[in-house]
N, C-alpha and C. Protein backbone atom coordinates (compact mmCIF):
# COMPACT_ATOMS: atom_id res chain seq x y z
N MET A 1 -11.28 41.61 9.63
CA MET A 1 -10.45 41.34 8.46
C MET A 1 -10.96 40.10 7.70
N GLU A 2 -11.11 40.24 6.43
CA GLU A 2 -11.59 39.19 5.53
C GLU A 2 -10.51 38.16 5.31
N SER A 3 -10.91 36.92 5.22
CA SER A 3 -9.94 35.82 4.93
C SER A 3 -9.56 35.85 3.48
N THR A 4 -8.30 35.36 3.26
CA THR A 4 -7.90 35.29 1.81
C THR A 4 -8.49 33.95 1.32
N PRO A 5 -8.48 33.87 0.04
CA PRO A 5 -8.94 32.55 -0.62
C PRO A 5 -8.23 31.34 -0.08
N TYR A 6 -6.95 31.49 0.17
CA TYR A 6 -6.17 30.33 0.67
C TYR A 6 -6.66 30.00 2.06
N GLU A 7 -6.75 31.01 2.93
CA GLU A 7 -7.21 30.78 4.28
C GLU A 7 -8.64 30.16 4.33
N THR A 8 -9.52 30.57 3.45
CA THR A 8 -10.83 29.98 3.32
C THR A 8 -10.73 28.54 2.92
N LEU A 9 -9.90 28.25 1.93
CA LEU A 9 -9.68 26.87 1.43
C LEU A 9 -9.16 26.02 2.55
N MET A 10 -8.11 26.49 3.30
CA MET A 10 -7.50 25.73 4.34
C MET A 10 -8.44 25.45 5.43
N ALA A 11 -9.25 26.45 5.81
CA ALA A 11 -10.24 26.26 6.87
C ALA A 11 -11.25 25.15 6.53
N ALA A 12 -11.65 25.13 5.28
CA ALA A 12 -12.61 24.13 4.80
C ALA A 12 -11.94 22.76 4.81
N PHE A 13 -10.63 22.72 4.37
CA PHE A 13 -9.94 21.43 4.32
C PHE A 13 -9.75 20.87 5.76
N LEU A 14 -9.41 21.72 6.73
CA LEU A 14 -9.21 21.32 8.04
C LEU A 14 -10.53 20.75 8.72
N ASP A 15 -11.67 21.09 8.11
CA ASP A 15 -12.94 20.63 8.63
C ASP A 15 -13.47 19.38 7.93
N THR A 16 -12.63 18.70 7.10
CA THR A 16 -12.97 17.51 6.43
C THR A 16 -12.81 16.27 7.31
N PRO A 17 -13.55 15.18 6.97
CA PRO A 17 -13.31 13.92 7.70
C PRO A 17 -11.85 13.42 7.61
N ASP A 18 -11.24 13.65 6.46
CA ASP A 18 -9.76 13.24 6.34
C ASP A 18 -8.94 13.89 7.42
N MET A 19 -9.12 15.19 7.62
CA MET A 19 -8.33 15.93 8.55
C MET A 19 -8.77 15.61 9.97
N ALA A 20 -10.00 15.19 10.17
CA ALA A 20 -10.43 14.74 11.48
C ALA A 20 -9.58 13.47 11.83
N ASP A 21 -9.32 12.59 10.88
CA ASP A 21 -8.52 11.36 11.10
C ASP A 21 -7.14 11.83 11.50
N TRP A 22 -6.64 12.77 10.79
CA TRP A 22 -5.26 13.33 11.09
C TRP A 22 -5.22 13.87 12.51
N GLU A 23 -6.15 14.66 12.90
CA GLU A 23 -6.21 15.24 14.20
C GLU A 23 -6.28 14.20 15.30
N GLU A 24 -7.12 13.16 15.10
CA GLU A 24 -7.25 12.06 16.08
C GLU A 24 -5.93 11.33 16.13
N PHE A 25 -5.27 11.13 15.02
CA PHE A 25 -3.97 10.39 15.04
C PHE A 25 -2.86 11.16 15.87
N VAL A 26 -2.80 12.49 15.58
CA VAL A 26 -1.77 13.33 16.32
C VAL A 26 -2.18 13.46 17.74
N ALA A 27 -3.44 13.67 18.00
CA ALA A 27 -3.82 13.84 19.44
C ALA A 27 -3.61 12.56 20.27
N ALA A 28 -3.89 11.42 19.77
CA ALA A 28 -3.67 10.10 20.42
C ALA A 28 -2.19 9.90 20.63
N ALA A 29 -1.33 10.21 19.66
CA ALA A 29 0.02 10.02 19.81
C ALA A 29 0.64 10.99 20.89
N ARG A 30 0.24 12.22 20.84
CA ARG A 30 0.71 13.18 21.86
C ARG A 30 0.32 12.84 23.25
N ARG A 31 -0.95 12.43 23.41
CA ARG A 31 -1.44 12.01 24.75
C ARG A 31 -0.58 10.96 25.35
N GLN A 32 -0.28 9.96 24.51
CA GLN A 32 0.50 8.81 25.08
C GLN A 32 1.96 9.15 25.27
N LEU A 33 2.52 9.90 24.34
CA LEU A 33 3.90 10.31 24.49
C LEU A 33 4.11 11.22 25.70
N GLU A 34 3.13 12.07 26.01
CA GLU A 34 3.26 12.99 27.19
C GLU A 34 3.31 12.19 28.44
N THR A 35 2.78 11.03 28.46
CA THR A 35 2.81 10.18 29.69
C THR A 35 4.15 9.45 29.86
N GLY A 36 5.00 9.56 28.85
CA GLY A 36 6.34 8.92 28.89
C GLY A 36 6.34 7.51 28.34
N ALA A 37 5.26 7.16 27.54
CA ALA A 37 5.10 5.87 27.02
C ALA A 37 6.30 5.54 26.09
N ASP A 38 6.68 4.29 26.15
CA ASP A 38 7.76 3.86 25.19
C ASP A 38 7.18 3.40 23.87
N SER A 39 5.91 3.09 23.84
CA SER A 39 5.18 2.74 22.59
C SER A 39 3.78 3.30 22.70
N VAL A 40 3.12 3.51 21.54
CA VAL A 40 1.81 4.07 21.58
C VAL A 40 0.85 3.25 20.70
N ILE A 41 -0.38 3.34 21.02
CA ILE A 41 -1.44 2.74 20.19
C ILE A 41 -2.13 3.88 19.45
N LEU A 42 -2.20 3.77 18.16
CA LEU A 42 -2.78 4.91 17.36
C LEU A 42 -4.03 4.41 16.60
N PRO A 43 -4.92 5.41 16.36
CA PRO A 43 -6.08 5.14 15.49
C PRO A 43 -5.51 4.78 14.08
N ALA A 44 -6.11 3.84 13.48
CA ALA A 44 -5.58 3.31 12.21
C ALA A 44 -6.09 4.05 10.96
N ALA A 45 -7.14 4.82 11.07
CA ALA A 45 -7.77 5.37 9.84
C ALA A 45 -6.75 6.17 9.03
N PHE A 46 -6.09 7.12 9.72
CA PHE A 46 -5.10 7.93 9.04
C PHE A 46 -3.98 7.14 8.60
N LEU A 47 -3.42 6.28 9.46
CA LEU A 47 -2.22 5.56 9.22
C LEU A 47 -2.38 4.64 8.01
N ARG A 48 -3.48 4.10 7.82
CA ARG A 48 -3.76 3.25 6.64
C ARG A 48 -3.54 3.98 5.37
N ARG A 49 -3.91 5.24 5.32
CA ARG A 49 -3.81 6.03 4.12
C ARG A 49 -2.34 6.50 3.86
N VAL A 50 -1.54 6.60 4.92
CA VAL A 50 -0.22 7.18 4.74
C VAL A 50 0.96 6.25 4.95
N ILE A 51 0.76 5.07 5.41
CA ILE A 51 1.85 4.18 5.74
C ILE A 51 2.77 3.91 4.62
N ASP A 52 2.29 3.79 3.41
CA ASP A 52 3.17 3.50 2.24
C ASP A 52 4.01 4.69 1.98
N ASP A 53 3.54 5.93 2.15
CA ASP A 53 4.35 7.17 2.00
C ASP A 53 5.41 7.21 3.10
N ILE A 54 5.00 6.92 4.30
CA ILE A 54 5.99 6.95 5.43
C ILE A 54 7.08 5.94 5.18
N ALA A 55 6.74 4.74 4.74
CA ALA A 55 7.68 3.68 4.58
C ALA A 55 8.67 3.93 3.47
N THR A 56 8.18 4.64 2.39
CA THR A 56 9.06 4.88 1.23
C THR A 56 9.65 6.21 1.08
N SER A 57 9.13 7.18 1.89
CA SER A 57 9.58 8.58 1.73
C SER A 57 9.92 9.14 3.12
N PRO A 58 10.82 8.53 3.89
CA PRO A 58 11.09 9.12 5.22
C PRO A 58 11.58 10.56 5.25
N LEU A 59 12.19 10.98 4.08
CA LEU A 59 12.78 12.36 4.11
C LEU A 59 11.68 13.45 3.99
N MET A 60 10.41 13.03 3.99
CA MET A 60 9.35 14.01 4.03
C MET A 60 9.21 14.65 5.43
N PHE A 61 9.82 13.97 6.36
CA PHE A 61 9.83 14.46 7.77
C PHE A 61 11.06 15.32 8.06
N ALA A 62 10.85 16.49 8.59
CA ALA A 62 11.99 17.38 8.83
C ALA A 62 13.04 16.75 9.80
N ALA A 63 12.55 16.02 10.75
CA ALA A 63 13.50 15.35 11.70
C ALA A 63 14.36 14.33 11.02
N VAL A 64 13.78 13.52 10.12
CA VAL A 64 14.52 12.54 9.37
C VAL A 64 15.52 13.20 8.45
N GLN A 65 14.97 14.28 7.79
CA GLN A 65 15.83 15.04 6.88
C GLN A 65 17.08 15.57 7.58
N GLY A 66 16.88 16.07 8.83
CA GLY A 66 18.03 16.50 9.57
C GLY A 66 19.01 15.36 9.88
N ASP A 67 18.47 14.22 10.28
CA ASP A 67 19.37 13.03 10.47
C ASP A 67 20.14 12.71 9.22
N TRP A 68 19.43 12.65 8.09
CA TRP A 68 20.11 12.37 6.79
C TRP A 68 21.18 13.41 6.48
N ASN A 69 20.84 14.68 6.70
CA ASN A 69 21.85 15.75 6.38
C ASN A 69 23.05 15.63 7.28
N ARG A 70 22.87 15.31 8.54
CA ARG A 70 24.04 15.14 9.46
C ARG A 70 24.84 13.93 8.99
N HIS A 71 24.21 12.91 8.54
CA HIS A 71 24.87 11.66 8.09
C HIS A 71 25.68 12.07 6.79
N CYS A 72 25.09 12.81 5.95
CA CYS A 72 25.81 13.21 4.72
C CYS A 72 27.06 14.01 5.09
N GLU A 73 26.97 14.93 6.01
CA GLU A 73 28.12 15.74 6.46
C GLU A 73 29.15 14.87 7.12
N ALA A 74 28.71 13.99 7.99
CA ALA A 74 29.65 13.06 8.68
C ALA A 74 30.38 12.13 7.67
N GLN A 75 29.74 11.79 6.57
CA GLN A 75 30.38 10.95 5.56
C GLN A 75 31.20 11.73 4.52
N GLY A 76 31.18 13.07 4.69
CA GLY A 76 31.96 13.95 3.78
C GLY A 76 31.25 14.03 2.42
N GLN A 77 29.92 13.94 2.36
CA GLN A 77 29.21 14.00 1.15
C GLN A 77 28.01 15.02 1.29
N PRO A 78 28.30 16.25 1.58
CA PRO A 78 27.22 17.23 1.82
C PRO A 78 26.41 17.46 0.55
N GLU A 79 26.88 17.10 -0.65
CA GLU A 79 26.18 17.34 -1.85
C GLU A 79 24.88 16.54 -1.95
N PHE A 80 24.69 15.55 -1.06
CA PHE A 80 23.49 14.67 -1.09
C PHE A 80 22.50 15.14 -0.07
N LYS A 81 22.72 16.22 0.66
CA LYS A 81 21.80 16.74 1.67
C LYS A 81 20.46 17.09 0.94
N GLU A 82 19.42 16.98 1.71
CA GLU A 82 18.04 17.27 1.27
C GLU A 82 17.48 18.51 2.05
N GLY A 83 16.43 19.13 1.37
CA GLY A 83 15.70 20.16 1.99
C GLY A 83 16.39 21.50 1.98
N SER A 84 15.97 22.36 2.92
CA SER A 84 16.39 23.69 2.99
C SER A 84 17.92 23.82 2.92
N GLY A 85 18.44 24.55 2.01
CA GLY A 85 19.87 24.71 1.92
C GLY A 85 20.63 23.70 1.14
N ALA A 86 19.92 22.64 0.78
CA ALA A 86 20.61 21.51 0.02
C ALA A 86 20.60 21.94 -1.45
N GLU A 87 21.66 21.51 -2.09
CA GLU A 87 21.80 21.72 -3.53
C GLU A 87 20.89 20.74 -4.27
N VAL A 88 20.30 21.11 -5.36
CA VAL A 88 19.54 20.24 -6.22
C VAL A 88 20.49 19.47 -7.10
N ARG A 89 20.42 18.19 -7.13
CA ARG A 89 21.36 17.37 -7.91
C ARG A 89 20.71 16.99 -9.24
N ASP A 90 21.52 16.98 -10.23
CA ASP A 90 21.11 16.60 -11.62
C ASP A 90 20.69 15.13 -11.66
N ASP A 91 21.29 14.32 -10.85
CA ASP A 91 20.99 12.89 -10.85
C ASP A 91 19.82 12.48 -9.94
N ASP A 92 19.27 13.42 -9.23
CA ASP A 92 18.17 13.12 -8.37
C ASP A 92 16.85 13.06 -9.10
N ASN A 93 16.21 11.86 -9.12
CA ASN A 93 14.96 11.69 -9.76
C ASN A 93 13.75 11.86 -8.85
N GLY A 94 13.99 12.49 -7.70
CA GLY A 94 12.94 12.76 -6.73
C GLY A 94 12.60 11.60 -5.76
N GLU A 95 13.33 10.48 -5.91
CA GLU A 95 13.03 9.34 -5.09
C GLU A 95 13.88 9.32 -3.85
N GLY A 96 14.88 10.12 -3.74
CA GLY A 96 15.69 10.21 -2.55
C GLY A 96 16.53 8.91 -2.44
N PRO A 97 17.23 8.79 -1.34
CA PRO A 97 18.23 7.66 -1.20
C PRO A 97 17.55 6.37 -0.65
N PHE A 98 16.32 6.34 -0.50
CA PHE A 98 15.70 5.16 0.07
C PHE A 98 14.93 4.27 -0.92
C-alpha cells in the first residue's frame, strides 16, 4: 500500500535531527521514571527549544488540561474549560488562564 502525502511528510519529519532530540528527551525521561525515580536528568537540547512554551502554555498538555477542567468544574465555572468538549469563549484571546 502506498503512503499518503501526509504519511510521507510525517516520516521525513520524524527522521530530522529535531525529532531525534525529542526522542532522546522522551526516552531518557521514560527510562528514569520506570525505575521509580523521584526526579530525572534530561538531555537539554529539546528542552532548551520548548521550555518557554512549557512555562507559558501548560494547557498544551492533555493531563494539565484535565486538571484545569476539573478545577473549573469544582469552582462552578465549566464555561472556562479547555479542549475537547469545551465551549469557545468570545473573551478568550488564545492565551488561556496563565
